[in-house]
Amino acid sequence: MINNIVISLTSSLLWRVRGGLRFWGYKLPLNKVWFALFYAGAYCYLTYWNLNDYIICSIATFTSYQEYGWGEYIGCLICGDKPSGRSDCPLVDDIIDTLRITINARDIKIGKFTIHIPQINWKLTDHPVLFGWVGLSLRGLLMTFMIGLAFRSVPYMLSGLAMGTVYWIGGQLNKIKDDGKCGWRWAEWLYGFYLGEVLCVIFRP
């Protein structure tokens, strides 16, 4: 139990370090790397120690969050920014940029009555918060799917779908205590902790 708490808290800290946490005004050198090294080590600690697996999992973890960005989705989700058309992750953008519901206007006759259905043209891009939530959830799925391949775990692969929800909670916490970035910093602390908890729950000895 104590080990799980230590792993989750360290995961939270290093995910925030990855996001740019400053110590006395300075970022930690190689700040993007430390989370991957720790996370792979935590996985090996919870399962079994194997240098080959450690190297593979470290590379998979680092690549999973460095290969594509997600700033556009966070800006929409927690800051309410309108989608700018910037491409953070083409694999996700190809889906969310084209999500729409179109219903042509028509009249439906029911006996003596006629019901008019107006034209509906609903686009996900017109709803920034929902756009951000869907985009970030899919981006989280891509992240944990890549790590899960190295971990050989389907449940872990799917765990990233919670990324949108966790970051949204960070935005809500910002209404209580402003972190100076719309809740982005709160969200990083929370998501790092979440990743640590998922690791401990799925791979607990």
Protein backbone atom coordinates (compact mmCIF):
# COMPACT_ATOMS: atom_id res chain seq x y z
CA MET A 1 0.00 0.00 0.00
CA ILE A 2 2.79 2.42 0.93
CA ASN A 3 4.68 1.47 -2.22
CA ASN A 4 1.60 2.28 -4.30
CA ILE A 5 1.29 5.72 -2.70
CA VAL A 6 4.99 6.43 -3.29
CA ILE A 7 4.73 5.36 -6.94
CA SER A 8 1.60 7.45 -7.53
CA LEU A 9 3.01 10.57 -5.84
CA THR A 10 6.33 10.26 -7.67
CA SER A 11 4.46 9.75 -10.93
CA SER A 12 2.47 12.90 -10.22
CA LEU A 13 5.60 14.93 -9.51
CA LEU A 14 7.53 13.73 -12.55
CA TRP A 15 4.57 14.23 -14.89
CA ARG A 16 4.44 17.81 -13.66
CA VAL A 17 8.22 18.07 -14.12
CA ARG A 18 7.71 16.88 -17.69
CA GLY A 19 5.18 19.69 -18.10
CA GLY A 20 7.70 22.33 -17.07
CA LEU A 21 7.67 22.54 -13.26
CA ARG A 22 10.35 25.01 -12.20
CA PHE A 23 12.63 24.75 -9.18
CA TRP A 24 13.90 28.17 -8.06
CA GLY A 25 13.00 29.50 -11.50
CA TYR A 26 14.66 26.73 -13.51
CA LYS A 27 13.38 23.62 -15.24
CA LEU A 28 14.99 20.32 -14.35
CA PRO A 29 17.55 19.34 -17.01
CA LEU A 30 16.11 16.80 -19.47
CA ASN A 31 12.73 17.38 -17.82
CA LYS A 32 10.86 15.34 -20.47
CA VAL A 33 12.90 12.19 -19.82
CA TRP A 34 12.57 11.53 -16.09
CA PHE A 35 8.95 10.41 -16.14
CA ALA A 36 9.64 7.70 -18.72
CA LEU A 37 12.66 6.38 -16.83
CA PHE A 38 10.77 6.28 -13.55
CA TYR A 39 7.57 4.82 -15.02
CA ALA A 40 9.38 1.97 -16.72
CA GLY A 41 11.24 1.28 -13.49
CA ALA A 42 7.99 1.25 -11.50
CA TYR A 43 6.50 -1.24 -13.97
CA CYS A 44 9.52 -3.53 -13.64
CA TYR A 45 9.38 -3.22 -9.85
CA LEU A 46 5.71 -4.26 -9.80
CA THR A 47 6.19 -7.16 -12.22
CA TYR A 48 9.75 -8.40 -12.48
CA TRP A 49 13.08 -6.76 -13.13
CA ASN A 50 14.39 -7.24 -16.63
CA LEU A 51 16.84 -4.83 -18.27
CA ASN A 52 15.50 -5.59 -21.73
CA ASP A 53 11.93 -4.77 -20.65
CA TYR A 54 13.09 -1.65 -18.82
CA ILE A 55 14.73 -0.24 -21.94
CA ILE A 56 11.73 -1.08 -24.16
CA CYS A 57 9.20 0.35 -21.69
CA SER A 58 11.26 3.51 -21.17
CA ILE A 59 11.40 4.18 -24.91
CA ALA A 60 7.72 3.33 -25.39
CA THR A 61 6.68 5.65 -22.55
CA PHE A 62 8.84 8.54 -23.72
CA THR A 63 7.68 8.17 -27.32
CA SER A 64 4.03 7.95 -26.28
CA TYR A 65 3.92 11.51 -24.96
CA GLN A 66 6.58 13.13 -27.13
CA GLU A 67 5.50 11.92 -30.57
CA TYR A 68 2.35 14.08 -30.64
CA GLY A 69 1.10 17.08 -28.69
CA TRP A 70 -2.22 17.84 -27.01
CA GLY A 71 -2.10 21.54 -26.15
CA GLU A 72 -4.90 22.42 -28.57
CA TYR A 73 -7.28 20.02 -26.84
CA ILE A 74 -6.41 21.26 -23.34
CA GLY A 75 -6.86 24.88 -24.40
CA CYS A 76 -10.35 24.06 -25.66
CA LEU A 77 -11.27 21.85 -22.71
CA ILE A 78 -10.24 23.93 -19.73
CA CYS A 79 -9.82 27.43 -21.19
CA GLY A 80 -12.79 27.36 -23.56
CA ASP A 81 -10.66 28.37 -26.55
CA LYS A 82 -12.15 27.77 -29.97
CA PRO A 83 -10.33 25.16 -32.10
CA SER A 84 -7.66 27.01 -34.04
CA GLY A 85 -7.14 24.41 -36.73
CA ARG A 86 -3.65 23.68 -35.44
CA SER A 87 -2.73 20.02 -35.79
CA ASP A 88 -1.39 18.52 -32.56
CA CYS A 89 -2.06 14.91 -33.42
CA PRO A 90 -3.12 14.04 -37.00
CA LEU A 91 -4.48 10.65 -35.91
CA VAL A 92 -6.93 12.38 -33.54
CA ASP A 93 -7.57 15.45 -35.68
CA ASP A 94 -8.73 13.31 -38.60
CA ILE A 95 -11.55 12.10 -36.35
CA ILE A 96 -12.61 15.12 -34.30
CA ASP A 97 -12.30 17.72 -37.07
CA THR A 98 -14.87 15.85 -39.14
CA LEU A 99 -17.32 14.72 -36.45
CA ARG A 100 -20.73 16.15 -37.32
CA ILE A 101 -24.42 15.31 -37.42
CA THR A 102 -26.39 16.51 -40.44
CA ILE A 103 -30.17 16.09 -40.78
CA ASN A 104 -31.95 17.64 -43.75
CA ALA A 105 -35.18 19.52 -43.18
CA ARG A 106 -38.28 17.46 -43.80
CA ASP A 107 -41.97 17.17 -43.07
CA ILE A 108 -43.33 14.04 -41.46
CA LYS A 109 -47.04 13.33 -41.76
CA ILE A 110 -48.76 11.49 -38.93
CA GLY A 111 -52.43 11.10 -39.79
CA LYS A 112 -53.84 14.61 -40.20
CA PHE A 113 -50.84 16.21 -38.57
CA THR A 114 -47.59 17.34 -40.17
CA ILE A 115 -44.46 17.68 -38.12
CA HIS A 116 -41.71 19.86 -39.52
CA ILE A 117 -38.17 18.86 -38.66
CA PRO A 118 -35.73 21.72 -39.26
CA GLN A 119 -32.32 21.20 -40.76
CA ILE A 120 -29.67 20.26 -38.24
CA ASN A 121 -25.98 20.74 -38.89
CA TRP A 122 -24.10 19.97 -35.66
CA LYS A 123 -20.30 20.06 -35.70
CA LEU A 124 -18.01 19.06 -32.84
CA THR A 125 -15.68 21.94 -33.66
CA ASP A 126 -18.46 24.38 -32.69
CA HIS A 127 -18.35 23.12 -29.09
CA PRO A 128 -14.86 23.85 -27.69
CA VAL A 129 -15.15 22.08 -24.32
CA LEU A 130 -16.60 18.90 -25.81
CA PHE A 131 -14.11 19.11 -28.68
CA GLY A 132 -11.26 19.33 -26.18
CA TRP A 133 -12.60 16.50 -24.05
CA VAL A 134 -13.02 14.11 -26.99
CA GLY A 135 -9.66 15.07 -28.47
CA LEU A 136 -7.78 14.71 -25.20
CA SER A 137 -9.47 11.40 -24.39
CA LEU A 138 -8.43 9.99 -27.76
CA ARG A 139 -4.92 11.39 -27.36
CA GLY A 140 -4.69 9.73 -23.95
CA LEU A 141 -5.80 6.47 -25.53
CA LEU A 142 -2.99 6.69 -28.09
CA MET A 143 -0.52 7.33 -25.29
CA THR A 144 -1.47 4.40 -23.09
CA PHE A 145 -2.02 2.14 -26.10
CA MET A 146 1.63 2.59 -27.06
CA ILE A 147 2.84 2.01 -23.50
CA GLY A 148 0.42 -0.89 -23.11
CA LEU A 149 1.99 -2.65 -26.09
CA ALA A 150 5.27 -2.71 -24.18
CA PHE A 151 3.45 -3.72 -20.98
CA ARG A 152 1.44 -6.36 -22.89
CA SER A 153 -1.77 -5.27 -21.16
CA VAL A 154 -5.09 -4.49 -22.85
CA PRO A 155 -6.64 -2.89 -19.71
CA TYR A 156 -3.67 -0.53 -19.52
CA MET A 157 -4.00 0.29 -23.22
CA LEU A 158 -7.54 1.57 -22.61
CA SER A 159 -6.79 3.52 -19.42
CA GLY A 160 -5.77 6.66 -21.28
CA LEU A 161 -9.37 7.30 -22.26
CA ALA A 162 -9.71 9.01 -18.87
CA MET A 163 -7.25 11.75 -19.83
CA GLY A 164 -9.97 14.16 -20.95
CA THR A 165 -11.93 13.70 -17.74
CA VAL A 166 -8.90 14.05 -15.46
CA TYR A 167 -7.77 17.24 -17.17
CA TRP A 168 -11.32 18.60 -16.99
CA ILE A 169 -11.26 18.04 -13.22
CA GLY A 170 -8.03 20.04 -13.12
CA GLY A 171 -9.86 22.89 -14.80
CA GLN A 172 -12.61 22.71 -12.18
CA LEU A 173 -10.06 22.80 -9.35
CA ASN A 174 -8.74 26.01 -10.82
CA LYS A 175 -12.04 27.65 -9.91
CA ILE A 176 -11.18 26.98 -6.27
CA LYS A 177 -7.48 27.86 -6.44
CA ASP A 178 -6.07 29.59 -9.51
CA ASP A 179 -2.86 27.97 -10.73
CA GLY A 180 -2.19 30.77 -13.21
CA LYS A 181 -2.83 28.60 -16.25
CA CYS A 182 -6.58 27.84 -16.27
CA GLY A 183 -6.02 24.61 -14.32
CA TRP A 184 -3.46 23.15 -16.71
CA ARG A 185 -0.95 22.72 -13.87
CA TRP A 186 -3.56 21.16 -11.57
CA ALA A 187 -4.43 18.75 -14.38
CA GLU A 188 -0.82 17.65 -14.79
CA TRP A 189 -0.50 16.84 -11.10
CA LEU A 190 -3.74 14.86 -11.25
CA TYR A 191 -3.00 12.97 -14.44
CA GLY A 192 0.46 12.01 -13.26
CA PHE A 193 -1.09 10.63 -10.08
CA TYR A 194 -3.73 8.82 -12.13
CA LEU A 195 -1.07 7.15 -14.29
CA GLY A 196 0.71 5.95 -11.18
CA GLU A 197 -2.50 4.57 -9.69
CA VAL A 198 -3.39 2.75 -12.91
CA LEU A 199 0.04 1.16 -12.94
CA CYS A 200 -0.30 -0.03 -9.35
CA VAL A 201 -3.87 -1.32 -9.74
CA ILE A 202 -3.24 -3.28 -12.94
CA PHE A 203 0.21 -4.64 -12.08
CA ARG A 204 0.06 -4.97 -8.32
CA PRO A 205 2.06 -8.05 -7.18
